[in-house]
PDB file of N, CA and C in Angstrom:
ATOM      1  N   UNK A   1       0.823  -1.191   0.000  1.00  0.00           N
ATOM      2  CA  UNK A   1       0.000   0.000   0.000  1.00  0.00           C
ATOM      3  C   UNK A   1       0.862   1.247   0.000  1.00  0.00           C
ATOM      4  N   UNK A   2       1.973   1.174   0.729  1.00  0.00           N
ATOM      5  CA  UNK A   2       2.838   2.328   0.829  1.00  0.00           C
ATOM      6  C   UNK A   2       3.449   2.667  -0.520  1.00  0.00           C
ATOM      7  N   UNK A   3       3.852   1.699  -1.294  1.00  0.00           N
ATOM      8  CA  UNK A   3       4.445   1.964  -2.594  1.00  0.00           C
ATOM      9  C   UNK A   3       3.420   2.574  -3.548  1.00  0.00           C
ATOM     10  N   UNK A   4       2.176   2.147  -3.432  1.00  0.00           N
ATOM     11  CA  UNK A   4       1.108   2.709  -4.243  1.00  0.00           C
ATOM     12  C   UNK A   4       0.885   4.184  -3.881  1.00  0.00           C
ATOM     13  N   UNK A   5       0.917   4.490  -2.596  1.00  0.00           N
ATOM     14  CA  UNK A   5       0.744   5.858  -2.115  1.00  0.00           C
ATOM     15  C   UNK A   5       1.914   6.728  -2.545  1.00  0.00           C
ATOM     16  N   UNK A   6       3.126   6.164  -2.439  1.00  0.00           N
ATOM     17  CA  UNK A   6       4.309   6.921  -2.851  1.00  0.00           C
ATOM     18  C   UNK A   6       4.299   7.213  -4.346  1.00  0.00           C
ATOM     19  N   UNK A   7       3.915   6.247  -5.154  1.00  0.00           N
ATOM     20  CA  UNK A   7       3.881   6.472  -6.603  1.00  0.00           C
ATOM     21  C   UNK A   7       2.794   7.482  -6.974  1.00  0.00           C
ATOM     22  N   UNK A   8       1.669   7.446  -6.266  1.00  0.00           N
ATOM     23  CA  UNK A   8       0.614   8.430  -6.506  1.00  0.00           C
ATOM     24  C   UNK A   8       1.070   9.837  -6.123  1.00  0.00           C
ATOM     25  N   UNK A   9       1.783   9.927  -5.021  1.00  0.00           N
ATOM     26  CA  UNK A   9       2.301  11.213  -4.563  1.00  0.00           C
ATOM     27  C   UNK A   9       3.345  11.759  -5.532  1.00  0.00           C
ATOM     28  N   UNK A  10       4.213  10.901  -6.032  1.00  0.00           N
ATOM     29  CA  UNK A  10       5.223  11.321  -7.009  1.00  0.00           C
ATOM     30  C   UNK A  10       4.545  11.786  -8.286  1.00  0.00           C
ATOM     31  N   UNK A  11       3.530  11.069  -8.707  1.00  0.00           N
ATOM     32  CA  UNK A  11       2.787  11.456  -9.910  1.00  0.00           C
ATOM     33  C   UNK A  11       2.105  12.811  -9.716  1.00  0.00           C
ATOM     34  N   UNK A  12       1.495  13.008  -8.559  1.00  0.00           N
ATOM     35  CA  UNK A  12       0.825  14.272  -8.262  1.00  0.00           C
ATOM     36  C   UNK A  12       1.819  15.431  -8.235  1.00  0.00           C
ATOM     37  N   UNK A  13       2.954  15.233  -7.612  1.00  0.00           N
ATOM     38  CA  UNK A  13       3.985  16.271  -7.549  1.00  0.00           C
ATOM     39  C   UNK A  13       4.507  16.584  -8.953  1.00  0.00           C
ATOM     40  N   UNK A  14       4.680  15.560  -9.773  1.00  0.00           N
ATOM     41  CA  UNK A  14       5.152  15.773 -11.148  1.00  0.00           C
ATOM     42  C   UNK A  14       4.146  16.588 -11.955  1.00  0.00           C
ATOM     43  N   UNK A  15       2.877  16.268 -11.837  1.00  0.00           N
ATOM     44  CA  UNK A  15       1.831  17.008 -12.563  1.00  0.00           C
ATOM     45  C   UNK A  15       1.785  18.456 -12.091  1.00  0.00           C
ATOM     46  N   UNK A  16       1.877  18.667 -10.789  1.00  0.00           N
ATOM     47  CA  UNK A  16       1.866  20.034 -10.257  1.00  0.00           C
ATOM     48  C   UNK A  16       3.069  20.823 -10.751  1.00  0.00           C
ATOM     49  N   UNK A  17       4.218  20.183 -10.774  1.00  0.00           N
ATOM     50  CA  UNK A  17       5.420  20.867 -11.261  1.00  0.00           C
ATOM     51  C   UNK A  17       5.280  21.237 -12.740  1.00  0.00           C
ATOM     52  N   UNK A  18       4.686  20.348 -13.525  1.00  0.00           N
ATOM     53  CA  UNK A  18       4.475  20.655 -14.941  1.00  0.00           C
ATOM     54  C   UNK A  18       3.554  21.868 -15.111  1.00  0.00           C
ATOM     55  N   UNK A  19       2.493  21.955 -14.310  1.00  0.00           N
ATOM     56  CA  UNK A  19       1.599  23.107 -14.371  1.00  0.00           C
ATOM     57  C   UNK A  19       2.322  24.395 -13.974  1.00  0.00           C
ATOM     58  N   UNK A  20       3.133  24.301 -12.946  1.00  0.00           N
ATOM     59  CA  UNK A  20       3.872  25.484 -12.489  1.00  0.00           C
ATOM     60  C   UNK A  20       4.860  25.945 -13.551  1.00  0.00           C
ATOM     61  N   UNK A  21       5.599  25.006 -14.139  1.00  0.00           N
ATOM     62  CA  UNK A  21       6.586  25.357 -15.157  1.00  0.00           C
ATOM     63  C   UNK A  21       5.901  25.929 -16.390  1.00  0.00           C
ATOM     64  N   UNK A  22       4.791  25.336 -16.803  1.00  0.00           N
ATOM     65  CA  UNK A  22       4.067  25.830 -17.972  1.00  0.00           C
ATOM     66  C   UNK A  22       3.510  27.229 -17.704  1.00  0.00           C
ATOM     67  N   UNK A  23       2.951  27.452 -16.524  1.00  0.00           N
ATOM     68  CA  UNK A  23       2.429  28.771 -16.174  1.00  0.00           C
ATOM     69  C   UNK A  23       3.520  29.818 -16.147  1.00  0.00           C
ATOM     70  N   UNK A  24       4.674  29.441 -15.649  1.00  0.00           N
ATOM     71  CA  UNK A  24       5.805  30.368 -15.602  1.00  0.00           C
ATOM     72  C   UNK A  24       6.286  30.692 -17.023  1.00  0.00           C
ATOM     73  N   UNK A  25       6.333  29.706 -17.886  1.00  0.00           N
ATOM     74  CA  UNK A  25       6.778  29.919 -19.269  1.00  0.00           C
ATOM     75  C   UNK A  25       5.789  30.817 -20.013  1.00  0.00           C
ATOM     76  N   UNK A  26       4.501  30.642 -19.777  1.00  0.00           N
ATOM     77  CA  UNK A  26       3.502  31.485 -20.433  1.00  0.00           C
ATOM     78  C   UNK A  26       3.568  32.924 -19.937  1.00  0.00           C
ATOM     79  N   UNK A  27       3.903  33.096 -18.678  1.00  0.00           N
ATOM     80  CA  UNK A  27       3.973  34.445 -18.118  1.00  0.00           C
ATOM     81  C   UNK A  27       5.150  35.227 -18.684  1.00  0.00           C
ATOM     82  N   UNK A  28       6.147  34.556 -19.229  1.00  0.00           N
ATOM     83  CA  UNK A  28       7.331  35.226 -19.729  1.00  0.00           C
ATOM     84  C   UNK A  28       7.247  35.586 -21.205  1.00  0.00           C
ATOM     85  N   UNK A  29       6.151  35.281 -21.867  1.00  0.00           N
ATOM     86  CA  UNK A  29       6.027  35.607 -23.278  1.00  0.00           C
ATOM     87  C   UNK A  29       5.875  37.103 -23.456  1.00  0.00           C
ATOM     88  N   UNK A  30       6.563  37.654 -24.444  1.00  0.00           N
ATOM     89  CA  UNK A  30       6.480  39.073 -24.752  1.00  0.00           C
ATOM     90  C   UNK A  30       5.517  39.241 -25.924  1.00  0.00           C
ATOM     91  N   UNK A  31       4.492  40.022 -25.721  1.00  0.00           N
ATOM     92  CA  UNK A  31       3.522  40.290 -26.778  1.00  0.00           C
ATOM     93  C   UNK A  31       3.799  41.676 -27.330  1.00  0.00           C
ATOM     94  N   UNK A  32       3.959  41.783 -28.627  1.00  0.00           N
ATOM     95  CA  UNK A  32       4.232  43.061 -29.268  1.00  0.00           C
ATOM     96  C   UNK A  32       3.122  43.367 -30.256  1.00  0.00           C
ATOM     97  N   UNK A  33       2.787  44.635 -30.378  1.00  0.00           N
ATOM     98  CA  UNK A  33       1.822  45.060 -31.376  1.00  0.00           C
ATOM     99  C   UNK A  33       2.230  46.414 -31.903  1.00  0.00           C
ATOM    100  N   UNK A  34       1.787  46.711 -33.088  1.00  0.00           N
ATOM    101  CA  UNK A  34       2.100  47.975 -33.737  1.00  0.00           C
ATOM    102  C   UNK A  34       0.804  48.762 -33.879  1.00  0.00           C
ATOM    103  N   UNK A  35       0.723  49.898 -33.192  1.00  0.00           N
ATOM    104  CA  UNK A  35      -0.484  50.709 -33.224  1.00  0.00           C
ATOM    105  C   UNK A  35      -0.382  51.841 -34.240  1.00  0.00           C
ATOM    106  N   UNK A  36       0.627  51.800 -35.086  1.00  0.00           N
ATOM    107  CA  UNK A  36       0.826  52.886 -36.049  1.00  0.00           C
ATOM    108  C   UNK A  36      -0.337  52.996 -37.030  1.00  0.00           C
ATOM    109  N   UNK A  37      -0.952  51.907 -37.368  1.00  0.00           N
ATOM    110  CA  UNK A  37      -2.043  51.931 -38.335  1.00  0.00           C
ATOM    111  C   UNK A  37      -3.412  51.785 -37.679  1.00  0.00           C
ATOM    112  N   UNK A  38      -3.481  51.829 -36.361  1.00  0.00           N
ATOM    113  CA  UNK A  38      -4.746  51.566 -35.691  1.00  0.00           C
ATOM    114  C   UNK A  38      -5.596  52.820 -35.471  1.00  0.00           C
ATOM    115  N   UNK A  39      -5.152  53.972 -35.909  1.00  0.00           N
ATOM    116  CA  UNK A  39      -5.961  55.167 -35.766  1.00  0.00           C
ATOM    117  C   UNK A  39      -5.933  55.951 -37.068  1.00  0.00           C
ATOM    118  N   UNK A  40      -6.926  56.790 -37.221  1.00  0.00           N
ATOM    119  CA  UNK A  40      -7.007  57.600 -38.429  1.00  0.00           C
ATOM    120  C   UNK A  40      -5.997  58.739 -38.362  1.00  0.00           C
ATOM    121  N   UNK A  41      -5.425  59.065 -39.483  1.00  0.00           N
ATOM    122  CA  UNK A  41      -4.491  60.187 -39.524  1.00  0.00           C
ATOM    123  C   UNK A  41      -5.282  61.487 -39.394  1.00  0.00           C
ATOM    124  N   UNK A  42      -4.686  62.523 -38.786  1.00  0.00           N
ATOM    125  CA  UNK A  42      -5.413  63.777 -38.620  1.00  0.00           C
ATOM    126  C   UNK A  42      -5.730  64.425 -39.967  1.00  0.00           C
ATOM    127  N   UNK A  43      -6.892  65.055 -40.011  1.00  0.00           N
ATOM    128  CA  UNK A  43      -7.295  65.766 -41.218  1.00  0.00           C
ATOM    129  C   UNK A  43      -6.499  67.051 -41.339  1.00  0.00           C
ATOM    130  N   UNK A  44      -6.083  67.389 -42.533  1.00  0.00           N
ATOM    131  CA  UNK A  44      -5.326  68.622 -42.723  1.00  0.00           C
ATOM    132  C   UNK A  44      -5.768  69.292 -44.020  1.00  0.00           C
ATOM    133  N   UNK A  45      -5.486  70.572 -44.132  1.00  0.00           N
ATOM    134  CA  UNK A  45      -5.807  71.321 -45.334  1.00  0.00           C
ATOM    135  C   UNK A  45      -7.176  71.954 -45.321  1.00  0.00           C
ATOM    136  N   UNK A  46      -8.002  71.617 -44.361  1.00  0.00           N
ATOM    137  CA  UNK A  46      -9.352  72.165 -44.311  1.00  0.00           C
ATOM    138  C   UNK A  46      -9.425  73.455 -43.479  1.00  0.00           C
ATOM    139  N   UNK A  47      -8.446  73.671 -42.644  1.00  0.00           N
ATOM    140  CA  UNK A  47      -8.436  74.844 -41.778  1.00  0.00           C
ATOM    141  C   UNK A  47      -7.396  75.810 -42.327  1.00  0.00           C
ATOM    142  N   UNK A  48      -7.835  76.849 -42.952  1.00  0.00           N
ATOM    143  CA  UNK A  48      -6.934  77.756 -43.672  1.00  0.00           C
ATOM    144  C   UNK A  48      -6.368  78.821 -42.734  1.00  0.00           C
ATOM    145  N   UNK A  49      -5.655  78.368 -41.731  1.00  0.00           N
ATOM    146  CA  UNK A  49      -4.964  79.288 -40.831  1.00  0.00           C
ATOM    147  C   UNK A  49      -3.553  78.781 -40.649  1.00  0.00           C
ATOM    148  N   UNK A  50      -2.724  79.638 -40.180  1.00  0.00           N
ATOM    149  CA  UNK A  50      -1.329  79.279 -39.969  1.00  0.00           C
ATOM    150  C   UNK A  50      -0.475  80.468 -40.334  1.00  0.00           C
ATOM    151  N   UNK A  51       0.804  80.280 -40.331  1.00  0.00           N
ATOM    152  CA  UNK A  51       1.691  81.397 -40.576  1.00  0.00           C
ATOM    153  C   UNK A  51       2.999  80.890 -41.162  1.00  0.00           C
ATOM    154  N   UNK A  52       3.641  81.756 -41.897  1.00  0.00           N
ATOM    155  CA  UNK A  52       5.003  81.511 -42.340  1.00  0.00           C
ATOM    156  C   UNK A  52       5.801  82.753 -41.996  1.00  0.00           C
ATOM    157  N   UNK A  53       6.860  82.560 -41.264  1.00  0.00           N
ATOM    158  CA  UNK A  53       7.714  83.708 -41.003  1.00  0.00           C
ATOM    159  C   UNK A  53       8.891  83.654 -41.982  1.00  0.00           C
ATOM    160  N   UNK A  54       9.782  84.591 -41.880  1.00  0.00           N
ATOM    161  CA  UNK A  54      10.904  84.655 -42.805  1.00  0.00           C
ATOM    162  C   UNK A  54      11.928  83.551 -42.608  1.00  0.00           C
ATOM    163  N   UNK A  55      11.786  82.772 -41.521  1.00  0.00           N
ATOM    164  CA  UNK A  55      12.761  81.709 -41.220  1.00  0.00           C
ATOM    165  C   UNK A  55      12.225  80.323 -41.569  1.00  0.00           C
ATOM    166  N   UNK A  56      11.186  80.241 -42.353  1.00  0.00           N
ATOM    167  CA  UNK A  56      10.569  78.970 -42.754  1.00  0.00           C
ATOM    168  C   UNK A  56      10.052  78.168 -41.562  1.00  0.00           C
ATOM    169  N   UNK A  57       9.529  78.848 -40.572  1.00  0.00           N
ATOM    170  CA  UNK A  57       8.946  78.174 -39.409  1.00  0.00           C
ATOM    171  C   UNK A  57       7.435  78.090 -39.625  1.00  0.00           C
ATOM    172  N   UNK A  58       7.008  77.147 -40.427  1.00  0.00           N
ATOM    173  CA  UNK A  58       5.588  76.998 -40.708  1.00  0.00           C
ATOM    174  C   UNK A  58       4.830  76.614 -39.448  1.00  0.00           C
ATOM    175  N   UNK A  59       3.690  77.273 -39.231  1.00  0.00           N
ATOM    176  CA  UNK A  59       2.778  76.907 -38.157  1.00  0.00           C
ATOM    177  C   UNK A  59       1.500  76.460 -38.838  1.00  0.00           C
ATOM    178  N   UNK A  60       1.185  75.180 -38.701  1.00  0.00           N
ATOM    179  CA  UNK A  60       0.040  74.590 -39.389  1.00  0.00           C
ATOM    180  C   UNK A  60      -0.862  73.917 -38.365  1.00  0.00           C
ATOM    181  N   UNK A  61      -2.161  73.994 -38.587  1.00  0.00           N
ATOM    182  CA  UNK A  61      -3.140  73.393 -37.703  1.00  0.00           C
ATOM    183  C   UNK A  61      -3.855  72.271 -38.442  1.00  0.00           C
ATOM    184  N   UNK A  62      -3.940  71.091 -37.828  1.00  0.00           N
ATOM    185  CA  UNK A  62      -4.757  70.022 -38.389  1.00  0.00           C
ATOM    186  C   UNK A  62      -5.881  69.712 -37.398  1.00  0.00           C
ATOM    187  N   UNK A  63      -6.550  68.599 -37.557  1.00  0.00           N
ATOM    188  CA  UNK A  63      -7.708  68.302 -36.712  1.00  0.00           C
ATOM    189  C   UNK A  63      -7.343  67.867 -35.292  1.00  0.00           C
ATOM    190  N   UNK A  64      -6.056  67.692 -34.987  1.00  0.00           N
ATOM    191  CA  UNK A  64      -5.668  67.234 -33.656  1.00  0.00           C
ATOM    192  C   UNK A  64      -4.633  68.085 -32.947  1.00  0.00           C
ATOM    193  N   UNK A  65      -3.737  68.727 -33.677  1.00  0.00           N
ATOM    194  CA  UNK A  65      -2.646  69.446 -33.022  1.00  0.00           C
ATOM    195  C   UNK A  65      -2.056  70.475 -33.977  1.00  0.00           C
ATOM    196  N   UNK A  66      -1.169  71.314 -33.430  1.00  0.00           N
ATOM    197  CA  UNK A  66      -0.406  72.268 -34.227  1.00  0.00           C
ATOM    198  C   UNK A  66       0.909  71.622 -34.635  1.00  0.00           C
ATOM    199  N   UNK A  67       1.441  72.056 -35.737  1.00  0.00           N
ATOM    200  CA  UNK A  67       2.807  71.664 -36.080  1.00  0.00           C
ATOM    201  C   UNK A  67       3.615  72.936 -36.301  1.00  0.00           C
ATOM    202  N   UNK A  68       4.789  72.964 -35.725  1.00  0.00           N
ATOM    203  CA  UNK A  68       5.716  74.070 -35.914  1.00  0.00           C
ATOM    204  C   UNK A  68       6.986  73.473 -36.509  1.00  0.00           C
ATOM    205  N   UNK A  69       7.319  73.888 -37.683  1.00  0.00           N
ATOM    206  CA  UNK A  69       8.454  73.333 -38.441  1.00  0.00           C
ATOM    207  C   UNK A  69       8.303  71.815 -38.607  1.00  0.00           C
ATOM    208  N   UNK A  70       7.071  71.343 -38.752  1.00  0.00           N
ATOM    209  CA  UNK A  70       6.815  69.926 -38.952  1.00  0.00           C
ATOM    210  C   UNK A  70       6.779  69.092 -37.686  1.00  0.00           C
ATOM    211  N   UNK A  71       7.030  69.700 -36.527  1.00  0.00           N
ATOM    212  CA  UNK A  71       7.027  68.986 -35.255  1.00  0.00           C
ATOM    213  C   UNK A  71       5.681  69.179 -34.567  1.00  0.00           C
ATOM    214  N   UNK A  72       4.987  68.092 -34.169  1.00  0.00           N
ATOM    215  CA  UNK A  72       3.701  68.235 -33.484  1.00  0.00           C
ATOM    216  C   UNK A  72       3.851  68.948 -32.148  1.00  0.00           C
ATOM    217  N   UNK A  73       2.926  69.858 -31.870  1.00  0.00           N
ATOM    218  CA  UNK A  73       2.946  70.630 -30.632  1.00  0.00           C
ATOM    219  C   UNK A  73       1.536  70.640 -30.048  1.00  0.00           C
ATOM    220  N   UNK A  74       1.424  70.348 -28.751  1.00  0.00           N
ATOM    221  CA  UNK A  74       0.153  70.451 -28.042  1.00  0.00           C
ATOM    222  C   UNK A  74       0.286  71.566 -27.010  1.00  0.00           C
ATOM    223  N   UNK A  75      -0.315  72.725 -27.265  1.00  0.00           N
ATOM    224  CA  UNK A  75      -0.189  73.820 -26.304  1.00  0.00           C
ATOM    225  C   UNK A  75      -0.932  73.506 -25.001  1.00  0.00           C
ATOM    226  N   UNK A  76      -0.352  73.942 -23.888  1.00  0.00           N
ATOM    227  CA  UNK A  76      -0.958  73.768 -22.575  1.00  0.00           C
ATOM    228  C   UNK A  76      -1.396  75.144 -22.097  1.00  0.00           C
ATOM    229  N   UNK A  77      -2.663  75.251 -21.727  1.00  0.00           N
ATOM    230  CA  UNK A  77      -3.214  76.544 -21.339  1.00  0.00           C
ATOM    231  C   UNK A  77      -3.940  76.426 -20.005  1.00  0.00           C
ATOM    232  N   UNK A  78      -4.174  77.552 -19.392  1.00  0.00           N
ATOM    233  CA  UNK A  78      -4.921  77.578 -18.148  1.00  0.00           C
ATOM    234  C   UNK A  78      -5.426  78.974 -17.874  1.00  0.00           C
ATOM    235  N   UNK A  79      -6.166  79.106 -16.813  1.00  0.00           N
ATOM    236  CA  UNK A  79      -6.694  80.417 -16.457  1.00  0.00           C
ATOM    237  C   UNK A  79      -6.794  80.516 -14.947  1.00  0.00           C
ATOM    238  N   UNK A  80      -6.913  81.720 -14.483  1.00  0.00           N
ATOM    239  CA  UNK A  80      -7.031  81.975 -13.055  1.00  0.00           C
ATOM    240  C   UNK A  80      -8.163  82.974 -12.843  1.00  0.00           C
ATOM    241  N   UNK A  81      -9.053  82.675 -11.925  1.00  0.00           N
ATOM    242  CA  UNK A  81     -10.156  83.580 -11.589  1.00  0.00           C
ATOM    243  C   UNK A  81      -9.717  84.407 -10.380  1.00  0.00           C
ATOM    244  N   UNK A  82      -9.215  85.602 -10.656  1.00  0.00           N
ATOM    245  CA  UNK A  82      -8.686  86.420  -9.573  1.00  0.00           C
ATOM    246  C   UNK A  82      -9.760  86.874  -8.606  1.00  0.00           C
ATOM    247  N   UNK A  83     -11.013  86.901  -9.054  1.00  0.00           N
ATOM    248  CA  UNK A  83     -12.097  87.288  -8.144  1.00  0.00           C
ATOM    249  C   UNK A  83     -12.327  86.225  -7.066  1.00  0.00           C
ATOM    250  N   UNK A  84     -11.805  85.030  -7.264  1.00  0.00           N
ATOM    251  CA  UNK A  84     -11.971  83.946  -6.301  1.00  0.00           C
ATOM    252  C   UNK A  84     -10.750  83.777  -5.399  1.00  0.00           C
ATOM    253  N   UNK A  85      -9.723  84.595  -5.624  1.00  0.00           N
ATOM    254  CA  UNK A  85      -8.477  84.464  -4.869  1.00  0.00           C
ATOM    255  C   UNK A  85      -8.218  85.765  -4.118  1.00  0.00           C
ATOM    256  N   UNK A  86      -7.718  85.644  -2.909  1.00  0.00           N
ATOM    257  CA  UNK A  86      -7.385  86.837  -2.129  1.00  0.00           C
ATOM    258  C   UNK A  86      -6.244  87.580  -2.822  1.00  0.00           C
ATOM    259  N   UNK A  87      -6.290  88.900  -2.881  1.00  0.00           N
ATOM    260  CA  UNK A  87      -5.216  89.662  -3.533  1.00  0.00           C
ATOM    261  C   UNK A  87      -3.829  89.373  -2.964  1.00  0.00           C
ATOM    262  N   UNK A  88      -3.747  88.960  -1.721  1.00  0.00           N
ATOM    263  CA  UNK A  88      -2.442  88.650  -1.130  1.00  0.00           C
ATOM    264  C   UNK A  88      -1.835  87.373  -1.749  1.00  0.00           C
ATOM    265  N   UNK A  89      -2.640  86.537  -2.394  1.00  0.00           N
ATOM    266  CA  UNK A  89      -2.157  85.302  -3.012  1.00  0.00           C
ATOM    267  C   UNK A  89      -1.910  85.446  -4.516  1.00  0.00           C
ATOM    268  N   UNK A  90      -2.210  86.590  -5.103  1.00  0.00           N
ATOM    269  CA  UNK A  90      -2.102  86.760  -6.552  1.00  0.00           C
ATOM    270  C   UNK A  90      -0.674  86.500  -7.053  1.00  0.00           C
ATOM    271  N   UNK A  91       0.311  87.071  -6.373  1.00  0.00           N
ATOM    272  CA  UNK A  91       1.690  86.917  -6.836  1.00  0.00           C
ATOM    273  C   UNK A  91       2.093  85.445  -6.852  1.00  0.00           C
ATOM    274  N   UNK A  92       1.747  84.719  -5.794  1.00  0.00           N
ATOM    275  CA  UNK A  92       2.073  83.296  -5.723  1.00  0.00           C
ATOM    276  C   UNK A  92       1.388  82.521  -6.849  1.00  0.00           C
ATOM    277  N   UNK A  93       0.132  82.838  -7.127  1.00  0.00           N
ATOM    278  CA  UNK A  93      -0.612  82.141  -8.183  1.00  0.00           C
ATOM    279  C   UNK A  93      -0.004  82.432  -9.555  1.00  0.00           C
ATOM    280  N   UNK A  94       0.359  83.675  -9.796  1.00  0.00           N
ATOM    281  CA  UNK A  94       0.964  84.034 -11.083  1.00  0.00           C
ATOM    282  C   UNK A  94       2.301  83.329 -11.266  1.00  0.00           C
ATOM    283  N   UNK A  95       3.101  83.267 -10.214  1.00  0.00           N
ATOM    284  CA  UNK A  95       4.396  82.569 -10.307  1.00  0.00           C
ATOM    285  C   UNK A  95       4.216  81.074 -10.555  1.00  0.00           C
ATOM    286  N   UNK A  96       3.196  80.469  -9.953  1.00  0.00           N
ATOM    287  CA  UNK A  96       2.921  79.050 -10.192  1.00  0.00           C
ATOM    288  C   UNK A  96       2.476  78.820 -11.630  1.00  0.00           C
ATOM    289  N   UNK A  97       1.682  79.742 -12.173  1.00  0.00           N
ATOM    290  CA  UNK A  97       1.224  79.586 -13.552  1.00  0.00           C
ATOM    291  C   UNK A  97       2.377  79.734 -14.534  1.00  0.00           C
ATOM    292  N   UNK A  98       3.346  80.570 -14.221  1.00  0.00           N
ATOM    293  CA  UNK A  98       4.495  80.779 -15.114  1.00  0.00           C
ATOM    294  C   UNK A  98       5.473  79.612 -15.067  1.00  0.00           C
ATOM    295  N   UNK A  99       5.460  78.843 -13.970  1.00  0.00           N
ATOM    296  CA  UNK A  99       6.437  77.756 -13.789  1.00  0.00           C
ATOM    297  C   UNK A  99       6.207  76.597 -14.722  1.00  0.00           C
TER     298      UNK A  99
END
């Protein structure tokens, strides 16, 4: 009976080890994808605004962002409601906005 129990235990341990090794091998797989073609390209040419200066620094607007000299730019903007802030805090708020 003991040999039967030992062989069953060895078999069980072997099966468990195989599951552990397989799970570990699956966890190490590297999945790669290319999202370059997964979105629509921005529309351009429909918005007739922009500028050209004497240094060939074109500023062009498309449906998603600005481009300056062909480099995409996303401007960051904000505002401050001075009527909601104590005048003693104005200087600190302005310095934070400039930072």
